[in-house]
Amino acid sequence: MIDNEFLEKEIIIKKRPALVAFTADWCRPCGLQKTVILSLAEKYRDEFIVETINAEVESSLSEKYDARTLPTTVVFSQGEVVETLPGFQSEEYLESYIKFILEKLQAEEDSKP
């Protein structure tokens, strides 16, 4: 689980690709989403930040990233929000976003002189 400081430093400033799920302990679908997030975090730990944020503790972030429905997953690339996905998202669907962003970043890197 990450906080505002980590998000700002590691994702926004360093522009690391990330997938962050806003969750709450009382939210049943959030428990399912956390399982998906843990699996993806393990799979992509060296190339992509995959984490959760407690929406109640970090309410200012919930507001900033428009996480009105829980869970809400926010996808970042190059320090910018690429997509905001309200509700539970399957592992396959989120993994497709991760792969898409990694491929795009690799293509950008390959095109540099």
N, C-alpha and C. Protein backbone atom coordinates (compact mmCIF):
# COMPACT_ATOMS: atom_id res chain seq x y z
N MET A 1 0.85 -1.17 0.00
CA MET A 1 0.00 0.00 0.00
C MET A 1 0.90 1.24 0.00
N ILE A 2 0.54 2.19 -0.86
CA ILE A 2 1.36 3.40 -0.97
C ILE A 2 0.62 4.62 -0.43
N ASP A 3 1.35 5.71 -0.32
CA ASP A 3 0.76 6.95 0.19
C ASP A 3 1.06 8.09 -0.79
N ASN A 4 0.61 9.28 -0.43
CA ASN A 4 0.77 10.45 -1.27
C ASN A 4 2.24 10.72 -1.61
N GLU A 5 3.11 10.61 -0.62
CA GLU A 5 4.53 10.88 -0.83
C GLU A 5 5.14 9.93 -1.86
N PHE A 6 4.84 8.63 -1.73
CA PHE A 6 5.36 7.64 -2.68
C PHE A 6 4.83 7.92 -4.08
N LEU A 7 3.53 8.17 -4.18
CA LEU A 7 2.92 8.42 -5.48
C LEU A 7 3.58 9.63 -6.15
N GLU A 8 3.74 10.68 -5.42
CA GLU A 8 4.34 11.90 -5.97
C GLU A 8 5.79 11.66 -6.39
N LYS A 9 6.58 11.04 -5.52
CA LYS A 9 8.02 10.85 -5.76
C LYS A 9 8.30 9.80 -6.83
N GLU A 10 7.70 8.64 -6.71
CA GLU A 10 8.05 7.51 -7.58
C GLU A 10 7.27 7.47 -8.89
N ILE A 11 6.04 7.97 -8.89
CA ILE A 11 5.21 7.85 -10.09
C ILE A 11 5.15 9.16 -10.87
N ILE A 12 4.90 10.26 -10.18
CA ILE A 12 4.75 11.54 -10.87
C ILE A 12 6.11 12.14 -11.24
N ILE A 13 7.00 12.30 -10.27
CA ILE A 13 8.29 12.95 -10.52
C ILE A 13 9.23 12.06 -11.34
N LYS A 14 9.38 10.79 -10.94
CA LYS A 14 10.28 9.89 -11.66
C LYS A 14 9.65 9.32 -12.93
N LYS A 15 8.35 9.57 -13.11
CA LYS A 15 7.61 9.15 -14.30
C LYS A 15 7.66 7.65 -14.54
N ARG A 16 7.62 6.88 -13.46
CA ARG A 16 7.60 5.42 -13.59
C ARG A 16 6.18 4.97 -13.94
N PRO A 17 6.04 3.97 -14.81
CA PRO A 17 4.71 3.48 -15.14
C PRO A 17 4.09 2.81 -13.92
N ALA A 18 2.78 3.00 -13.76
CA ALA A 18 2.13 2.47 -12.56
C ALA A 18 0.66 2.20 -12.78
N LEU A 19 0.17 1.28 -11.99
CA LEU A 19 -1.24 0.95 -11.92
C LEU A 19 -1.57 0.97 -10.43
N VAL A 20 -2.45 1.87 -10.02
CA VAL A 20 -2.76 2.07 -8.60
C VAL A 20 -4.25 1.89 -8.38
N ALA A 21 -4.61 0.98 -7.47
CA ALA A 21 -6.01 0.73 -7.15
C ALA A 21 -6.37 1.40 -5.84
N PHE A 22 -7.39 2.24 -5.86
CA PHE A 22 -7.93 2.87 -4.66
C PHE A 22 -8.92 1.90 -4.04
N THR A 23 -8.69 1.54 -2.78
CA THR A 23 -9.52 0.54 -2.10
C THR A 23 -9.86 1.01 -0.69
N ALA A 24 -10.73 0.24 -0.03
CA ALA A 24 -11.07 0.48 1.38
C ALA A 24 -11.30 -0.88 2.03
N ASP A 25 -11.02 -0.98 3.31
CA ASP A 25 -11.14 -2.25 4.02
C ASP A 25 -12.56 -2.79 4.05
N TRP A 26 -13.56 -1.93 4.10
CA TRP A 26 -14.96 -2.35 4.20
C TRP A 26 -15.57 -2.76 2.86
N CYS A 27 -14.86 -2.51 1.78
CA CYS A 27 -15.37 -2.72 0.42
C CYS A 27 -15.09 -4.14 -0.05
N ARG A 28 -16.14 -4.95 -0.25
CA ARG A 28 -15.95 -6.35 -0.65
C ARG A 28 -15.27 -6.49 -2.01
N PRO A 29 -15.71 -5.77 -3.04
CA PRO A 29 -15.01 -5.89 -4.33
C PRO A 29 -13.54 -5.47 -4.25
N CYS A 30 -13.24 -4.58 -3.30
CA CYS A 30 -11.85 -4.14 -3.13
C CYS A 30 -10.95 -5.30 -2.70
N GLY A 31 -11.49 -6.20 -1.90
CA GLY A 31 -10.73 -7.38 -1.50
C GLY A 31 -10.34 -8.22 -2.70
N LEU A 32 -11.28 -8.38 -3.62
CA LEU A 32 -11.00 -9.11 -4.86
C LEU A 32 -9.98 -8.36 -5.71
N GLN A 33 -10.12 -7.04 -5.76
CA GLN A 33 -9.19 -6.24 -6.55
C GLN A 33 -7.78 -6.31 -5.97
N LYS A 34 -7.68 -6.33 -4.65
CA LYS A 34 -6.36 -6.44 -4.01
C LYS A 34 -5.66 -7.73 -4.40
N THR A 35 -6.42 -8.82 -4.52
CA THR A 35 -5.85 -10.10 -4.93
C THR A 35 -5.26 -9.99 -6.34
N VAL A 36 -5.99 -9.35 -7.23
CA VAL A 36 -5.51 -9.12 -8.60
C VAL A 36 -4.26 -8.25 -8.58
N ILE A 37 -4.30 -7.19 -7.80
CA ILE A 37 -3.16 -6.26 -7.71
C ILE A 37 -1.91 -6.99 -7.19
N LEU A 38 -2.07 -7.81 -6.16
CA LEU A 38 -0.93 -8.56 -5.63
C LEU A 38 -0.32 -9.47 -6.68
N SER A 39 -1.15 -10.14 -7.45
CA SER A 39 -0.67 -11.04 -8.49
C SER A 39 0.11 -10.27 -9.56
N LEU A 40 -0.45 -9.16 -10.01
CA LEU A 40 0.22 -8.35 -11.03
C LEU A 40 1.49 -7.70 -10.49
N ALA A 41 1.47 -7.30 -9.23
CA ALA A 41 2.65 -6.69 -8.61
C ALA A 41 3.81 -7.68 -8.61
N GLU A 42 3.50 -8.92 -8.32
CA GLU A 42 4.53 -9.97 -8.32
C GLU A 42 5.07 -10.19 -9.73
N LYS A 43 4.17 -10.26 -10.69
CA LYS A 43 4.53 -10.55 -12.08
C LYS A 43 5.38 -9.44 -12.71
N TYR A 44 5.08 -8.20 -12.38
CA TYR A 44 5.72 -7.06 -13.05
C TYR A 44 6.58 -6.21 -12.12
N ARG A 45 7.01 -6.76 -11.01
CA ARG A 45 7.68 -5.97 -9.97
C ARG A 45 8.91 -5.21 -10.44
N ASP A 46 9.61 -5.71 -11.45
CA ASP A 46 10.84 -5.04 -11.90
C ASP A 46 10.61 -3.96 -12.95
N GLU A 47 9.40 -3.90 -13.52
CA GLU A 47 9.20 -2.96 -14.62
C GLU A 47 7.98 -2.05 -14.50
N PHE A 48 7.15 -2.29 -13.50
CA PHE A 48 5.89 -1.54 -13.38
C PHE A 48 5.49 -1.48 -11.92
N ILE A 49 5.09 -0.32 -11.44
CA ILE A 49 4.58 -0.21 -10.07
C ILE A 49 3.11 -0.64 -10.09
N VAL A 50 2.78 -1.64 -9.31
CA VAL A 50 1.39 -2.09 -9.18
C VAL A 50 1.09 -2.10 -7.69
N GLU A 51 0.22 -1.20 -7.24
CA GLU A 51 -0.01 -1.00 -5.81
C GLU A 51 -1.45 -0.62 -5.51
N THR A 52 -1.75 -0.57 -4.21
CA THR A 52 -3.05 -0.08 -3.75
C THR A 52 -2.84 1.16 -2.89
N ILE A 53 -3.91 1.95 -2.79
CA ILE A 53 -3.96 3.11 -1.91
C ILE A 53 -5.23 2.99 -1.10
N ASN A 54 -5.13 3.19 0.21
CA ASN A 54 -6.32 3.20 1.06
C ASN A 54 -7.06 4.52 0.80
N ALA A 55 -8.21 4.43 0.16
CA ALA A 55 -8.95 5.62 -0.26
C ALA A 55 -9.43 6.47 0.91
N GLU A 56 -9.64 5.84 2.06
CA GLU A 56 -10.10 6.60 3.23
C GLU A 56 -8.95 7.35 3.89
N VAL A 57 -7.81 6.69 4.01
CA VAL A 57 -6.64 7.32 4.63
C VAL A 57 -6.10 8.43 3.73
N GLU A 58 -6.06 8.17 2.44
CA GLU A 58 -5.54 9.14 1.47
C GLU A 58 -6.70 9.78 0.70
N SER A 59 -7.64 10.36 1.44
CA SER A 59 -8.85 10.91 0.82
C SER A 59 -8.55 12.05 -0.16
N SER A 60 -7.49 12.81 0.08
CA SER A 60 -7.15 13.89 -0.86
C SER A 60 -6.72 13.31 -2.21
N LEU A 61 -6.04 12.17 -2.19
CA LEU A 61 -5.67 11.51 -3.45
C LEU A 61 -6.89 10.93 -4.14
N SER A 62 -7.81 10.37 -3.35
CA SER A 62 -9.05 9.84 -3.92
C SER A 62 -9.79 10.93 -4.67
N GLU A 63 -9.83 12.10 -4.07
CA GLU A 63 -10.50 13.23 -4.70
C GLU A 63 -9.72 13.70 -5.94
N LYS A 64 -8.42 13.83 -5.80
CA LYS A 64 -7.58 14.30 -6.90
C LYS A 64 -7.69 13.41 -8.13
N TYR A 65 -7.74 12.09 -7.90
CA TYR A 65 -7.78 11.14 -9.01
C TYR A 65 -9.18 10.61 -9.29
N ASP A 66 -10.19 11.29 -8.76
CA ASP A 66 -11.59 11.02 -9.06
C ASP A 66 -12.01 9.57 -8.75
N ALA A 67 -11.52 9.06 -7.62
CA ALA A 67 -11.85 7.69 -7.20
C ALA A 67 -13.13 7.73 -6.36
N ARG A 68 -14.26 7.94 -7.02
CA ARG A 68 -15.55 8.02 -6.32
C ARG A 68 -16.15 6.65 -6.07
N THR A 69 -15.90 5.73 -6.97
CA THR A 69 -16.37 4.35 -6.85
C THR A 69 -15.19 3.52 -6.35
N LEU A 70 -15.46 2.58 -5.46
CA LEU A 70 -14.38 1.70 -4.99
C LEU A 70 -14.66 0.28 -5.42
N PRO A 71 -13.65 -0.41 -5.90
CA PRO A 71 -12.31 0.10 -6.20
C PRO A 71 -12.32 0.95 -7.47
N THR A 72 -11.33 1.80 -7.57
CA THR A 72 -11.03 2.54 -8.81
C THR A 72 -9.55 2.36 -9.07
N THR A 73 -9.22 1.99 -10.30
CA THR A 73 -7.83 1.78 -10.67
C THR A 73 -7.40 2.90 -11.61
N VAL A 74 -6.26 3.50 -11.29
CA VAL A 74 -5.71 4.59 -12.10
C VAL A 74 -4.41 4.10 -12.73
N VAL A 75 -4.30 4.29 -14.05
CA VAL A 75 -3.12 3.86 -14.79
C VAL A 75 -2.30 5.10 -15.14
N PHE A 76 -0.99 5.04 -14.82
CA PHE A 76 -0.08 6.16 -15.07
C PHE A 76 1.01 5.75 -16.06
N SER A 77 1.41 6.70 -16.90
CA SER A 77 2.57 6.52 -17.76
C SER A 77 3.21 7.89 -17.94
N GLN A 78 4.53 7.96 -17.81
CA GLN A 78 5.27 9.22 -17.95
C GLN A 78 4.76 10.29 -16.99
N GLY A 79 4.33 9.89 -15.80
CA GLY A 79 3.88 10.83 -14.79
C GLY A 79 2.47 11.37 -14.99
N GLU A 80 1.77 10.86 -15.99
CA GLU A 80 0.42 11.33 -16.32
C GLU A 80 -0.60 10.20 -16.19
N VAL A 81 -1.83 10.57 -15.87
CA VAL A 81 -2.91 9.58 -15.83
C VAL A 81 -3.27 9.21 -17.27
N VAL A 82 -3.25 7.91 -17.56
CA VAL A 82 -3.61 7.40 -18.87
C VAL A 82 -5.08 7.00 -18.88
N GLU A 83 -5.53 6.42 -17.78
CA GLU A 83 -6.90 5.91 -17.70
C GLU A 83 -7.33 5.80 -16.25
N THR A 84 -8.61 6.05 -16.01
CA THR A 84 -9.22 5.83 -14.70
C THR A 84 -10.32 4.81 -14.90
N LEU A 85 -10.22 3.69 -14.18
CA LEU A 85 -11.13 2.56 -14.37
C LEU A 85 -11.94 2.32 -13.09
N PRO A 86 -13.20 2.75 -13.04
CA PRO A 86 -14.01 2.53 -11.84
C PRO A 86 -14.51 1.09 -11.76
N GLY A 87 -14.64 0.58 -10.54
CA GLY A 87 -15.15 -0.77 -10.32
C GLY A 87 -14.07 -1.82 -10.41
N PHE A 88 -14.47 -3.06 -10.12
CA PHE A 88 -13.54 -4.19 -10.18
C PHE A 88 -13.05 -4.40 -11.61
N GLN A 89 -11.76 -4.66 -11.76
CA GLN A 89 -11.16 -4.94 -13.07
C GLN A 89 -10.45 -6.29 -13.00
N SER A 90 -10.66 -7.11 -14.01
CA SER A 90 -10.05 -8.44 -14.02
C SER A 90 -8.54 -8.35 -14.22
N GLU A 91 -7.87 -9.41 -13.81
CA GLU A 91 -6.42 -9.46 -13.97
C GLU A 91 -6.03 -9.38 -15.45
N GLU A 92 -6.78 -10.07 -16.30
CA GLU A 92 -6.48 -10.07 -17.72
C GLU A 92 -6.58 -8.66 -18.31
N TYR A 93 -7.62 -7.95 -17.91
CA TYR A 93 -7.84 -6.60 -18.43
C TYR A 93 -6.73 -5.65 -17.98
N LEU A 94 -6.40 -5.69 -16.70
CA LEU A 94 -5.34 -4.81 -16.18
C LEU A 94 -3.99 -5.19 -16.77
N GLU A 95 -3.76 -6.48 -16.94
CA GLU A 95 -2.49 -6.90 -17.53
C GLU A 95 -2.37 -6.40 -18.97
N SER A 96 -3.48 -6.35 -19.69
CA SER A 96 -3.43 -5.83 -21.06
C SER A 96 -3.00 -4.36 -21.06
N TYR A 97 -3.44 -3.59 -20.07
CA TYR A 97 -3.00 -2.19 -19.94
C TYR A 97 -1.50 -2.12 -19.65
N ILE A 98 -1.04 -2.95 -18.74
CA ILE A 98 0.38 -2.97 -18.40
C ILE A 98 1.22 -3.29 -19.64
N LYS A 99 0.84 -4.33 -20.36
CA LYS A 99 1.59 -4.72 -21.55
C LYS A 99 1.58 -3.62 -22.61
N PHE A 100 0.41 -2.99 -22.80
CA PHE A 100 0.29 -1.91 -23.77
C PHE A 100 1.25 -0.77 -23.44
N ILE A 101 1.26 -0.36 -22.18
CA ILE A 101 2.12 0.76 -21.77
C ILE A 101 3.60 0.38 -21.88
N LEU A 102 3.95 -0.84 -21.46
CA LEU A 102 5.35 -1.27 -21.57
C LEU A 102 5.80 -1.32 -23.02
N GLU A 103 4.93 -1.80 -23.91
CA GLU A 103 5.27 -1.85 -25.34
C GLU A 103 5.43 -0.44 -25.90
N LYS A 104 4.55 0.46 -25.51
CA LYS A 104 4.62 1.85 -25.97
C LYS A 104 5.92 2.51 -25.49
N LEU A 105 6.25 2.31 -24.22
CA LEU A 105 7.48 2.89 -23.68
C LEU A 105 8.71 2.31 -24.37
N GLN A 106 8.68 1.01 -24.66
CA GLN A 106 9.81 0.37 -25.35
C GLN A 106 9.94 0.92 -26.77
N ALA A 107 8.82 1.10 -27.46
CA ALA A 107 8.85 1.64 -28.82
C ALA A 107 9.42 3.06 -28.81
N GLU A 108 9.03 3.86 -27.82
CA GLU A 108 9.57 5.22 -27.71
C GLU A 108 11.08 5.19 -27.46
N GLU A 109 11.51 4.26 -26.62
CA GLU A 109 12.94 4.12 -26.32
C GLU A 109 13.70 3.67 -27.57
N ASP A 110 13.13 2.72 -28.31
CA ASP A 110 13.77 2.20 -29.52
C ASP A 110 13.88 3.26 -30.62
N SER A 111 12.96 4.22 -30.64
CA SER A 111 12.96 5.23 -31.70
C SER A 111 13.91 6.40 -31.42
N LYS A 112 14.51 6.41 -30.23
CA LYS A 112 15.46 7.47 -29.91
C LYS A 112 16.75 7.26 -30.70
N PRO A 113 17.34 8.35 -31.20
CA PRO A 113 18.58 8.20 -32.00
C PRO A 113 19.75 7.77 -31.16
